[in-house]
């Protein structure tokens, strides 16, 4: 397993994050065909990967590691403590607090504390769970202020994390000028033979909270010239999503992509992302990241909706 001390150094100015986000869907698999998928908050990118894990960076000094290794025990407490020793290169955590959690429907242990790294001290928030004979670690690490600032995006990554058996996936089907990948909610979208805006969002996404009201107000002003379909990215509690949208005053129809298949078919780079389809459901353009009025206008124009 990768050492968290090395990851902290990487996030604080080592290897620069790659420019592309990790595609939605399975990002890594081992010799037994186990893989994981995770939703990346806006601004986070893959910064490193090895045979045993993937590291993500927030572009500052915050780092999240998703790693797996052979479990030494089927007992979560024992496996978790052993994983912590690996993550801290045998040093363990000081001021550690433990709590129980559930991740991907599995019991998990959460460990919060600090450890020595590179002559200094780093904070660690580690969530560890078991899947078969594998121990999975999702670890937020960095300076204290960075770890505190990244709690919300880390919570979103924990919520969207899935472990599954994987197969080689086909290349994303979505491309400008080609028919958009279809799914039941798109086939039955209101306002047939009208352009469609597909908006991938998540309740933990900060930028979505300002983007969705913008879509709401613009669609109301345009009075039925196009349809808007929201796609909830990998969350599993429709009730909480409905309450979230009601609080924002948003009443667009919602498709729930709990298994990530819709996101995978579009090659979703992260949330928020909007895809603009013309009246024949041909993809005309996409906007990755938060929409503003100018980007929304450009997308609608490309789709023949403005």
C-alpha atoms as a PDB file:
ATOM      1  CA  UNK A   1       0.000   0.000   0.000  1.00  0.00           C
ATOM      2  CA  UNK A   2       1.170   3.543  -0.660  1.00  0.00           C
ATOM      3  CA  UNK A   3       2.448   5.573   2.244  1.00  0.00           C
ATOM      4  CA  UNK A   4       0.371   8.604   3.149  1.00  0.00           C
ATOM      5  CA  UNK A   5       3.462  10.618   3.972  1.00  0.00           C
ATOM      6  CA  UNK A   6       4.541  10.388   0.351  1.00  0.00           C
ATOM      7  CA  UNK A   7       1.087  11.399  -0.800  1.00  0.00           C
ATOM      8  CA  UNK A   8       1.091  14.467   1.381  1.00  0.00           C
ATOM      9  CA  UNK A   9       4.353  15.585  -0.164  1.00  0.00           C
ATOM     10  CA  UNK A  10       2.917  15.035  -3.646  1.00  0.00           C
ATOM     11  CA  UNK A  11      -0.141  17.150  -2.888  1.00  0.00           C
ATOM     12  CA  UNK A  12       1.943  19.905  -1.379  1.00  0.00           C
ATOM     13  CA  UNK A  13       3.982  20.523  -4.502  1.00  0.00           C
ATOM     14  CA  UNK A  14       5.355  17.247  -5.836  1.00  0.00           C
ATOM     15  CA  UNK A  15       3.945  15.726  -9.015  1.00  0.00           C
ATOM     16  CA  UNK A  16       1.495  18.119 -10.648  1.00  0.00           C
ATOM     17  CA  UNK A  17      -2.060  16.856 -11.097  1.00  0.00           C
ATOM     18  CA  UNK A  18      -2.968  15.688 -14.587  1.00  0.00           C
ATOM     19  CA  UNK A  19      -5.200  17.979 -16.559  1.00  0.00           C
ATOM     20  CA  UNK A  20      -7.923  15.406 -17.141  1.00  0.00           C
ATOM     21  CA  UNK A  21     -10.288  14.143 -14.474  1.00  0.00           C
ATOM     22  CA  UNK A  22     -10.574  10.456 -13.807  1.00  0.00           C
ATOM     23  CA  UNK A  23     -13.382   9.199 -16.077  1.00  0.00           C
ATOM     24  CA  UNK A  24     -16.536   8.055 -14.375  1.00  0.00           C
ATOM     25  CA  UNK A  25     -16.739   4.325 -13.847  1.00  0.00           C
ATOM     26  CA  UNK A  26     -14.120   1.824 -12.845  1.00  0.00           C
ATOM     27  CA  UNK A  27     -10.768   3.469 -12.387  1.00  0.00           C
ATOM     28  CA  UNK A  28      -8.592   0.580 -11.299  1.00  0.00           C
ATOM     29  CA  UNK A  29      -8.836  -3.197 -11.007  1.00  0.00           C
ATOM     30  CA  UNK A  30      -6.603  -5.862  -9.551  1.00  0.00           C
ATOM     31  CA  UNK A  31      -5.801  -9.379 -10.686  1.00  0.00           C
ATOM     32  CA  UNK A  32      -9.034 -10.626  -9.122  1.00  0.00           C
ATOM     33  CA  UNK A  33     -11.170  -8.223 -11.118  1.00  0.00           C
ATOM     34  CA  UNK A  34     -12.020  -5.935  -8.213  1.00  0.00           C
ATOM     35  CA  UNK A  35     -12.277  -2.279  -9.037  1.00  0.00           C
ATOM     36  CA  UNK A  36     -13.759   0.927  -7.723  1.00  0.00           C
ATOM     37  CA  UNK A  37     -15.622   3.945  -8.943  1.00  0.00           C
ATOM     38  CA  UNK A  38     -15.802   7.321  -7.270  1.00  0.00           C
ATOM     39  CA  UNK A  39     -17.303  10.690  -8.106  1.00  0.00           C
ATOM     40  CA  UNK A  40     -14.787  13.528  -8.184  1.00  0.00           C
ATOM     41  CA  UNK A  41     -15.836  16.941  -6.861  1.00  0.00           C
ATOM     42  CA  UNK A  42     -15.197  19.890  -9.145  1.00  0.00           C
ATOM     43  CA  UNK A  43     -11.532  20.870  -9.168  1.00  0.00           C
ATOM     44  CA  UNK A  44     -10.194  17.477  -8.094  1.00  0.00           C
ATOM     45  CA  UNK A  45      -7.958  15.531 -10.460  1.00  0.00           C
ATOM     46  CA  UNK A  46      -6.003  12.318 -10.515  1.00  0.00           C
ATOM     47  CA  UNK A  47      -2.389  13.033  -9.582  1.00  0.00           C
ATOM     48  CA  UNK A  48      -0.822   9.575  -9.341  1.00  0.00           C
ATOM     49  CA  UNK A  49      -1.615   5.878  -9.619  1.00  0.00           C
ATOM     50  CA  UNK A  50       0.153   2.617  -8.900  1.00  0.00           C
ATOM     51  CA  UNK A  51      -0.917  -1.015  -8.982  1.00  0.00           C
ATOM     52  CA  UNK A  52      -2.478  -0.566  -5.550  1.00  0.00           C
ATOM     53  CA  UNK A  53      -4.123   2.802  -5.545  1.00  0.00           C
ATOM     54  CA  UNK A  54      -5.043   6.130  -7.085  1.00  0.00           C
ATOM     55  CA  UNK A  55      -4.236   9.535  -5.620  1.00  0.00           C
ATOM     56  CA  UNK A  56      -6.395  12.601  -6.207  1.00  0.00           C
ATOM     57  CA  UNK A  57      -5.470  16.239  -5.543  1.00  0.00           C
ATOM     58  CA  UNK A  58      -7.550  19.355  -4.976  1.00  0.00           C
ATOM     59  CA  UNK A  59      -4.918  21.477  -6.729  1.00  0.00           C
ATOM     60  CA  UNK A  60      -3.684  22.898  -3.425  1.00  0.00           C
ATOM     61  CA  UNK A  61      -2.267  20.735  -0.654  1.00  0.00           C
ATOM     62  CA  UNK A  62      -5.187  18.395  -0.048  1.00  0.00           C
ATOM     63  CA  UNK A  63      -4.827  14.795  -1.201  1.00  0.00           C
ATOM     64  CA  UNK A  64      -7.177  11.813  -1.215  1.00  0.00           C
ATOM     65  CA  UNK A  65      -5.855   8.279  -1.682  1.00  0.00           C
ATOM     66  CA  UNK A  66      -8.042   5.340  -2.652  1.00  0.00           C
ATOM     67  CA  UNK A  67      -5.985   2.181  -2.100  1.00  0.00           C
ATOM     68  CA  UNK A  68      -6.551  -1.536  -1.718  1.00  0.00           C
ATOM     69  CA  UNK A  69      -4.395  -4.343  -0.415  1.00  0.00           C
ATOM     70  CA  UNK A  70      -4.643  -7.908   0.798  1.00  0.00           C
ATOM     71  CA  UNK A  71      -6.414  -7.939   4.163  1.00  0.00           C
ATOM     72  CA  UNK A  72      -4.488  -9.578   6.979  1.00  0.00           C
ATOM     73  CA  UNK A  73      -7.715 -10.360   8.816  1.00  0.00           C
ATOM     74  CA  UNK A  74     -11.452 -10.574   8.204  1.00  0.00           C
ATOM     75  CA  UNK A  75     -11.866  -8.563  11.408  1.00  0.00           C
ATOM     76  CA  UNK A  76     -12.368  -4.921  10.454  1.00  0.00           C
ATOM     77  CA  UNK A  77     -10.669  -3.556  13.581  1.00  0.00           C
ATOM     78  CA  UNK A  78      -7.534  -5.614  12.988  1.00  0.00           C
ATOM     79  CA  UNK A  79      -7.459  -4.931   9.251  1.00  0.00           C
ATOM     80  CA  UNK A  80      -7.979  -1.214   9.831  1.00  0.00           C
ATOM     81  CA  UNK A  81      -5.171  -0.825  12.335  1.00  0.00           C
ATOM     82  CA  UNK A  82      -2.792  -2.754  10.088  1.00  0.00           C
ATOM     83  CA  UNK A  83      -3.747  -0.557   7.135  1.00  0.00           C
ATOM     84  CA  UNK A  84      -3.008   2.545   9.220  1.00  0.00           C
ATOM     85  CA  UNK A  85       0.486   1.270   9.938  1.00  0.00           C
ATOM     86  CA  UNK A  86       1.062   0.823   6.215  1.00  0.00           C
ATOM     87  CA  UNK A  87      -0.319   4.266   5.412  1.00  0.00           C
ATOM     88  CA  UNK A  88       1.940   5.946   7.965  1.00  0.00           C
ATOM     89  CA  UNK A  89       4.986   3.780   7.203  1.00  0.00           C
ATOM     90  CA  UNK A  90       4.765   2.068  10.565  1.00  0.00           C
ATOM     91  CA  UNK A  91       4.422   5.204  12.646  1.00  0.00           C
ATOM     92  CA  UNK A  92       0.711   5.041  13.278  1.00  0.00           C
ATOM     93  CA  UNK A  93      -1.485   7.984  14.195  1.00  0.00           C
ATOM     94  CA  UNK A  94      -1.313  10.168  17.281  1.00  0.00           C
ATOM     95  CA  UNK A  95      -4.346  11.871  18.848  1.00  0.00           C
ATOM     96  CA  UNK A  96      -6.366   9.239  17.005  1.00  0.00           C
ATOM     97  CA  UNK A  97     -10.141   9.014  17.329  1.00  0.00           C
ATOM     98  CA  UNK A  98     -12.140   6.084  15.988  1.00  0.00           C
ATOM     99  CA  UNK A  99     -15.754   5.886  14.860  1.00  0.00           C
ATOM    100  CA  UNK A 100     -17.994   3.465  13.011  1.00  0.00           C
ATOM    101  CA  UNK A 101     -19.240   4.279   9.545  1.00  0.00           C
ATOM    102  CA  UNK A 102     -20.854   2.674   6.510  1.00  0.00           C
ATOM    103  CA  UNK A 103     -19.274   2.963   3.061  1.00  0.00           C
ATOM    104  CA  UNK A 104     -20.752   1.391  -0.066  1.00  0.00           C
ATOM    105  CA  UNK A 105     -23.178  -0.509   2.172  1.00  0.00           C
ATOM    106  CA  UNK A 106     -20.316  -2.091   4.128  1.00  0.00           C
ATOM    107  CA  UNK A 107     -19.243  -1.548   7.741  1.00  0.00           C
ATOM    108  CA  UNK A 108     -16.256   0.775   7.912  1.00  0.00           C
ATOM    109  CA  UNK A 109     -13.962   2.310  10.507  1.00  0.00           C
ATOM    110  CA  UNK A 110     -12.991   5.961  10.505  1.00  0.00           C
ATOM    111  CA  UNK A 111      -9.695   7.073  12.016  1.00  0.00           C
ATOM    112  CA  UNK A 112      -8.837  10.738  12.565  1.00  0.00           C
ATOM    113  CA  UNK A 113      -5.444  11.849  13.790  1.00  0.00           C
ATOM    114  CA  UNK A 114      -2.003  13.160  12.892  1.00  0.00           C
ATOM    115  CA  UNK A 115       1.289  11.578  11.901  1.00  0.00           C
ATOM    116  CA  UNK A 116       4.839  12.645  11.214  1.00  0.00           C
ATOM    117  CA  UNK A 117       5.744  13.235   7.561  1.00  0.00           C
ATOM    118  CA  UNK A 118       8.836  14.809   6.034  1.00  0.00           C
ATOM    119  CA  UNK A 119       9.955  16.345   9.301  1.00  0.00           C
ATOM    120  CA  UNK A 120       6.532  17.888   9.930  1.00  0.00           C
ATOM    121  CA  UNK A 121       3.059  16.839  10.986  1.00  0.00           C
ATOM    122  CA  UNK A 122       0.172  15.946   8.686  1.00  0.00           C
ATOM    123  CA  UNK A 123      -3.485  15.365   9.482  1.00  0.00           C
ATOM    124  CA  UNK A 124      -5.200  12.193   8.296  1.00  0.00           C
ATOM    125  CA  UNK A 125      -8.861  11.264   7.979  1.00  0.00           C
ATOM    126  CA  UNK A 126      -8.929   7.585   6.949  1.00  0.00           C
ATOM    127  CA  UNK A 127     -11.997   5.455   6.244  1.00  0.00           C
ATOM    128  CA  UNK A 128     -11.274   1.732   5.920  1.00  0.00           C
ATOM    129  CA  UNK A 129     -13.591  -1.070   4.843  1.00  0.00           C
ATOM    130  CA  UNK A 130     -13.362  -4.706   3.748  1.00  0.00           C
ATOM    131  CA  UNK A 131     -14.546  -6.326   0.530  1.00  0.00           C
ATOM    132  CA  UNK A 132     -13.838 -10.041   0.362  1.00  0.00           C
ATOM    133  CA  UNK A 133     -10.158 -10.508   1.094  1.00  0.00           C
ATOM    134  CA  UNK A 134      -9.311  -6.890   0.307  1.00  0.00           C
ATOM    135  CA  UNK A 135      -8.984  -3.929   2.605  1.00  0.00           C
ATOM    136  CA  UNK A 136      -9.949  -0.611   1.046  1.00  0.00           C
ATOM    137  CA  UNK A 137      -8.647   2.688   2.391  1.00  0.00           C
ATOM    138  CA  UNK A 138     -10.037   6.103   1.490  1.00  0.00           C
ATOM    139  CA  UNK A 139      -7.690   8.643   2.993  1.00  0.00           C
ATOM    140  CA  UNK A 140      -7.778  12.435   3.162  1.00  0.00           C
ATOM    141  CA  UNK A 141      -4.373  13.795   4.132  1.00  0.00           C
ATOM    142  CA  UNK A 142      -2.663  17.177   4.278  1.00  0.00           C
ATOM    143  CA  UNK A 143      -2.072  20.175   6.534  1.00  0.00           C
ATOM    144  CA  UNK A 144      -4.698  20.642   9.238  1.00  0.00           C
ATOM    145  CA  UNK A 145      -6.392  23.613   7.579  1.00  0.00           C
ATOM    146  CA  UNK A 146      -6.529  21.802   4.222  1.00  0.00           C
ATOM    147  CA  UNK A 147      -8.038  18.649   5.704  1.00  0.00           C
ATOM    148  CA  UNK A 148     -10.670  20.757   7.439  1.00  0.00           C
ATOM    149  CA  UNK A 149     -11.457  22.652   4.226  1.00  0.00           C
ATOM    150  CA  UNK A 150     -11.766  19.432   2.214  1.00  0.00           C
ATOM    151  CA  UNK A 151     -14.235  17.669   4.522  1.00  0.00           C
ATOM    152  CA  UNK A 152     -17.234  18.314   2.270  1.00  0.00           C
ATOM    153  CA  UNK A 153     -15.676  17.057  -0.986  1.00  0.00           C
ATOM    154  CA  UNK A 154     -14.246  14.078   0.903  1.00  0.00           C
ATOM    155  CA  UNK A 155     -17.724  13.272   2.218  1.00  0.00           C
ATOM    156  CA  UNK A 156     -18.991  13.340  -1.359  1.00  0.00           C
ATOM    157  CA  UNK A 157     -16.285  10.952  -2.491  1.00  0.00           C
ATOM    158  CA  UNK A 158     -17.137   8.589   0.358  1.00  0.00           C
ATOM    159  CA  UNK A 159     -20.811   8.719  -0.566  1.00  0.00           C
ATOM    160  CA  UNK A 160     -20.176   7.929  -4.235  1.00  0.00           C
ATOM    161  CA  UNK A 161     -17.551   5.213  -3.656  1.00  0.00           C
ATOM    162  CA  UNK A 162     -18.364   1.719  -4.953  1.00  0.00           C
ATOM    163  CA  UNK A 163     -16.405  -1.535  -5.070  1.00  0.00           C
ATOM    164  CA  UNK A 164     -17.461  -4.005  -7.751  1.00  0.00           C
ATOM    165  CA  UNK A 165     -16.179  -6.733 -10.015  1.00  0.00           C
ATOM    166  CA  UNK A 166     -15.187  -5.133 -13.272  1.00  0.00           C
ATOM    167  CA  UNK A 167     -14.856  -5.840 -16.929  1.00  0.00           C
ATOM    168  CA  UNK A 168     -12.967  -3.858 -19.512  1.00  0.00           C
ATOM    169  CA  UNK A 169     -15.229  -0.954 -20.369  1.00  0.00           C
ATOM    170  CA  UNK A 170     -15.887   0.357 -23.838  1.00  0.00           C
ATOM    171  CA  UNK A 171     -14.796   3.823 -24.793  1.00  0.00           C
ATOM    172  CA  UNK A 172     -17.319   6.514 -23.866  1.00  0.00           C
ATOM    173  CA  UNK A 173     -20.003   6.806 -26.529  1.00  0.00           C
ATOM    174  CA  UNK A 174     -20.678  10.508 -26.158  1.00  0.00           C
ATOM    175  CA  UNK A 175     -19.125  12.732 -28.816  1.00  0.00           C
ATOM    176  CA  UNK A 176     -20.165  16.016 -30.398  1.00  0.00           C
ATOM    177  CA  UNK A 177     -22.055  15.460 -33.624  1.00  0.00           C
ATOM    178  CA  UNK A 178     -23.182  11.930 -32.705  1.00  0.00           C
ATOM    179  CA  UNK A 179     -26.468  10.774 -31.149  1.00  0.00           C
ATOM    180  CA  UNK A 180     -26.262  11.068 -27.372  1.00  0.00           C
ATOM    181  CA  UNK A 181     -26.180   7.799 -25.410  1.00  0.00           C
ATOM    182  CA  UNK A 182     -29.763   7.035 -24.524  1.00  0.00           C
ATOM    183  CA  UNK A 183     -31.361   5.814 -21.297  1.00  0.00           C
ATOM    184  CA  UNK A 184     -34.994   5.477 -20.186  1.00  0.00           C
ATOM    185  CA  UNK A 185     -35.390   8.927 -18.638  1.00  0.00           C
ATOM    186  CA  UNK A 186     -33.996  10.593 -21.764  1.00  0.00           C
ATOM    187  CA  UNK A 187     -36.301   8.591 -24.023  1.00  0.00           C
ATOM    188  CA  UNK A 188     -39.330   9.780 -22.033  1.00  0.00           C
ATOM    189  CA  UNK A 189     -38.210  13.352 -21.400  1.00  0.00           C
ATOM    190  CA  UNK A 190     -40.984  15.991 -21.588  1.00  0.00           C
ATOM    191  CA  UNK A 191     -41.139  18.268 -24.642  1.00  0.00           C
ATOM    192  CA  UNK A 192     -40.429  15.664 -27.297  1.00  0.00           C
ATOM    193  CA  UNK A 193     -38.688  16.921 -30.431  1.00  0.00           C
ATOM    194  CA  UNK A 194     -37.128  19.747 -28.430  1.00  0.00           C
ATOM    195  CA  UNK A 195     -33.493  20.304 -27.453  1.00  0.00           C
ATOM    196  CA  UNK A 196     -32.442  18.844 -24.105  1.00  0.00           C
ATOM    197  CA  UNK A 197     -29.996  19.989 -21.446  1.00  0.00           C
ATOM    198  CA  UNK A 198     -28.590  17.062 -19.445  1.00  0.00           C
ATOM    199  CA  UNK A 199     -27.138  18.266 -16.160  1.00  0.00           C
ATOM    200  CA  UNK A 200     -25.115  15.860 -13.989  1.00  0.00           C
ATOM    201  CA  UNK A 201     -25.142  16.999 -10.359  1.00  0.00           C
ATOM    202  CA  UNK A 202     -24.736  15.787  -6.780  1.00  0.00           C
ATOM    203  CA  UNK A 203     -26.066  17.099  -3.479  1.00  0.00           C
ATOM    204  CA  UNK A 204     -22.510  17.370  -2.102  1.00  0.00           C
ATOM    205  CA  UNK A 205     -21.362  19.475  -5.073  1.00  0.00           C
ATOM    206  CA  UNK A 206     -20.844  23.108  -4.029  1.00  0.00           C
ATOM    207  CA  UNK A 207     -20.946  24.513  -7.573  1.00  0.00           C
ATOM    208  CA  UNK A 208     -24.224  22.706  -8.283  1.00  0.00           C
ATOM    209  CA  UNK A 209     -25.945  24.808  -5.618  1.00  0.00           C
ATOM    210  CA  UNK A 210     -25.429  27.964  -7.697  1.00  0.00           C
ATOM    211  CA  UNK A 211     -25.689  26.335 -11.122  1.00  0.00           C
ATOM    212  CA  UNK A 212     -29.092  24.700 -10.633  1.00  0.00           C
ATOM    213  CA  UNK A 213     -30.916  27.965  -9.783  1.00  0.00           C
ATOM    214  CA  UNK A 214     -29.335  29.502 -12.900  1.00  0.00           C
ATOM    215  CA  UNK A 215     -30.785  26.678 -15.010  1.00  0.00           C
ATOM    216  CA  UNK A 216     -34.127  27.048 -13.233  1.00  0.00           C
ATOM    217  CA  UNK A 217     -34.399  30.766 -13.947  1.00  0.00           C
ATOM    218  CA  UNK A 218     -33.216  30.538 -17.551  1.00  0.00           C
ATOM    219  CA  UNK A 219     -35.591  27.684 -18.380  1.00  0.00           C
ATOM    220  CA  UNK A 220     -38.493  29.617 -16.870  1.00  0.00           C
ATOM    221  CA  UNK A 221     -37.613  32.646 -18.988  1.00  0.00           C
ATOM    222  CA  UNK A 222     -37.355  30.539 -22.155  1.00  0.00           C
ATOM    223  CA  UNK A 223     -40.826  29.040 -21.614  1.00  0.00           C
ATOM    224  CA  UNK A 224     -40.589  25.523 -22.952  1.00  0.00           C
ATOM    225  CA  UNK A 225     -38.087  25.973 -25.760  1.00  0.00           C
ATOM    226  CA  UNK A 226     -36.118  23.001 -24.432  1.00  0.00           C
ATOM    227  CA  UNK A 227     -36.227  20.336 -21.738  1.00  0.00           C
ATOM    228  CA  UNK A 228     -33.876  20.052 -18.772  1.00  0.00           C
ATOM    229  CA  UNK A 229     -33.140  16.621 -17.313  1.00  0.00           C
ATOM    230  CA  UNK A 230     -31.087  16.345 -14.140  1.00  0.00           C
ATOM    231  CA  UNK A 231     -28.956  13.258 -13.552  1.00  0.00           C
ATOM    232  CA  UNK A 232     -28.043  12.551  -9.954  1.00  0.00           C
ATOM    233  CA  UNK A 233     -24.546  11.080  -9.891  1.00  0.00           C
ATOM    234  CA  UNK A 234     -24.349   7.826  -7.926  1.00  0.00           C
ATOM    235  CA  UNK A 235     -26.369   8.753  -4.864  1.00  0.00           C
ATOM    236  CA  UNK A 236     -28.707   6.136  -3.450  1.00  0.00           C
ATOM    237  CA  UNK A 237     -31.278   8.128  -1.435  1.00  0.00           C
ATOM    238  CA  UNK A 238     -33.868   9.739  -3.745  1.00  0.00           C
ATOM    239  CA  UNK A 239     -35.651  11.269  -0.758  1.00  0.00           C
ATOM    240  CA  UNK A 240     -32.676  13.395   0.214  1.00  0.00           C
ATOM    241  CA  UNK A 241     -32.188  14.458  -3.408  1.00  0.00           C
ATOM    242  CA  UNK A 242     -35.836  15.527  -3.668  1.00  0.00           C
ATOM    243  CA  UNK A 243     -35.519  17.587  -0.477  1.00  0.00           C
ATOM    244  CA  UNK A 244     -32.306  19.174  -1.752  1.00  0.00           C
ATOM    245  CA  UNK A 245     -33.936  20.225  -5.037  1.00  0.00           C
ATOM    246  CA  UNK A 246     -37.075  21.464  -3.296  1.00  0.00           C
ATOM    247  CA  UNK A 247     -34.928  23.686  -1.088  1.00  0.00           C
ATOM    248  CA  UNK A 248     -33.395  25.185  -4.247  1.00  0.00           C
ATOM    249  CA  UNK A 249     -36.795  25.668  -5.865  1.00  0.00           C
ATOM    250  CA  UNK A 250     -35.858  23.313  -8.705  1.00  0.00           C
ATOM    251  CA  UNK A 251     -38.519  21.016 -10.199  1.00  0.00           C
ATOM    252  CA  UNK A 252     -36.829  19.491 -13.252  1.00  0.00           C
ATOM    253  CA  UNK A 253     -37.227  15.724 -13.738  1.00  0.00           C
ATOM    254  CA  UNK A 254     -34.403  13.645 -12.259  1.00  0.00           C
ATOM    255  CA  UNK A 255     -32.736  10.424 -13.403  1.00  0.00           C
ATOM    256  CA  UNK A 256     -30.922   8.503 -10.654  1.00  0.00           C
ATOM    257  CA  UNK A 257     -27.612   7.063 -11.848  1.00  0.00           C
ATOM    258  CA  UNK A 258     -26.903   4.961  -8.749  1.00  0.00           C
ATOM    259  CA  UNK A 259     -24.803   2.404 -10.627  1.00  0.00           C
ATOM    260  CA  UNK A 260     -22.844   4.965 -12.654  1.00  0.00           C
ATOM    261  CA  UNK A 261     -23.821   3.495 -16.032  1.00  0.00           C
ATOM    262  CA  UNK A 262     -25.158   6.747 -17.470  1.00  0.00           C
ATOM    263  CA  UNK A 263     -22.063   8.629 -16.332  1.00  0.00           C
ATOM    264  CA  UNK A 264     -19.832   5.957 -17.854  1.00  0.00           C
ATOM    265  CA  UNK A 265     -21.631   6.118 -21.196  1.00  0.00           C
ATOM    266  CA  UNK A 266     -21.017   9.865 -21.341  1.00  0.00           C
ATOM    267  CA  UNK A 267     -17.435   9.682 -20.068  1.00  0.00           C
ATOM    268  CA  UNK A 268     -18.405  12.033 -17.247  1.00  0.00           C
ATOM    269  CA  UNK A 269     -15.307  13.912 -16.007  1.00  0.00           C
ATOM    270  CA  UNK A 270     -16.939  15.140 -12.782  1.00  0.00           C
ATOM    271  CA  UNK A 271     -19.855  17.194 -11.505  1.00  0.00           C
ATOM    272  CA  UNK A 272     -21.271  19.526 -12.449  1.00  0.00           C
ATOM    273  CA  UNK A 273     -21.201  18.798 -16.180  1.00  0.00           C
ATOM    274  CA  UNK A 274     -23.895  19.735 -18.703  1.00  0.00           C
ATOM    275  CA  UNK A 275     -24.510  18.190 -22.129  1.00  0.00           C
ATOM    276  CA  UNK A 276     -26.512  20.090 -24.747  1.00  0.00           C
ATOM    277  CA  UNK A 277     -28.558  17.966 -27.165  1.00  0.00           C
ATOM    278  CA  UNK A 278     -30.428  19.241 -30.203  1.00  0.00           C
ATOM    279  CA  UNK A 279     -34.043  18.341 -31.005  1.00  0.00           C
ATOM    280  CA  UNK A 280     -32.942  15.002 -32.487  1.00  0.00           C
ATOM    281  CA  UNK A 281     -30.887  14.227 -29.353  1.00  0.00           C
ATOM    282  CA  UNK A 282     -27.589  14.696 -31.145  1.00  0.00           C
ATOM    283  CA  UNK A 283     -24.917  15.897 -28.722  1.00  0.00           C
ATOM    284  CA  UNK A 284     -23.750  19.350 -29.798  1.00  0.00           C
ATOM    285  CA  UNK A 285     -21.497  20.481 -26.962  1.00  0.00           C
ATOM    286  CA  UNK A 286     -20.703  19.967 -23.276  1.00  0.00           C
ATOM    287  CA  UNK A 287     -19.782  22.304 -20.435  1.00  0.00           C
ATOM    288  CA  UNK A 288     -17.551  20.808 -17.737  1.00  0.00           C
ATOM    289  CA  UNK A 289     -17.684  22.651 -14.439  1.00  0.00           C
ATOM    290  CA  UNK A 290     -20.035  25.322 -13.150  1.00  0.00           C
ATOM    291  CA  UNK A 291     -22.237  27.067 -15.678  1.00  0.00           C
ATOM    292  CA  UNK A 292     -22.494  30.822 -15.782  1.00  0.00           C
ATOM    293  CA  UNK A 293     -24.899  32.810 -17.956  1.00  0.00           C
ATOM    294  CA  UNK A 294     -22.419  33.062 -20.831  1.00  0.00           C
ATOM    295  CA  UNK A 295     -21.576  29.342 -20.919  1.00  0.00           C
ATOM    296  CA  UNK A 296     -25.245  28.414 -20.636  1.00  0.00           C
ATOM    297  CA  UNK A 297     -26.123  30.712 -23.535  1.00  0.00           C
ATOM    298  CA  UNK A 298     -23.375  29.184 -25.679  1.00  0.00           C
ATOM    299  CA  UNK A 299     -24.562  25.654 -24.953  1.00  0.00           C
ATOM    300  CA  UNK A 300     -28.195  26.468 -25.685  1.00  0.00           C
ATOM    301  CA  UNK A 301     -27.213  28.177 -28.922  1.00  0.00           C
ATOM    302  CA  UNK A 302     -25.186  25.149 -30.046  1.00  0.00           C
ATOM    303  CA  UNK A 303     -28.216  22.921 -29.408  1.00  0.00           C
ATOM    304  CA  UNK A 304     -30.560  25.217 -31.330  1.00  0.00           C
ATOM    305  CA  UNK A 305     -32.375  26.281 -28.176  1.00  0.00           C
ATOM    306  CA  UNK A 306     -31.391  29.974 -28.128  1.00  0.00           C
END
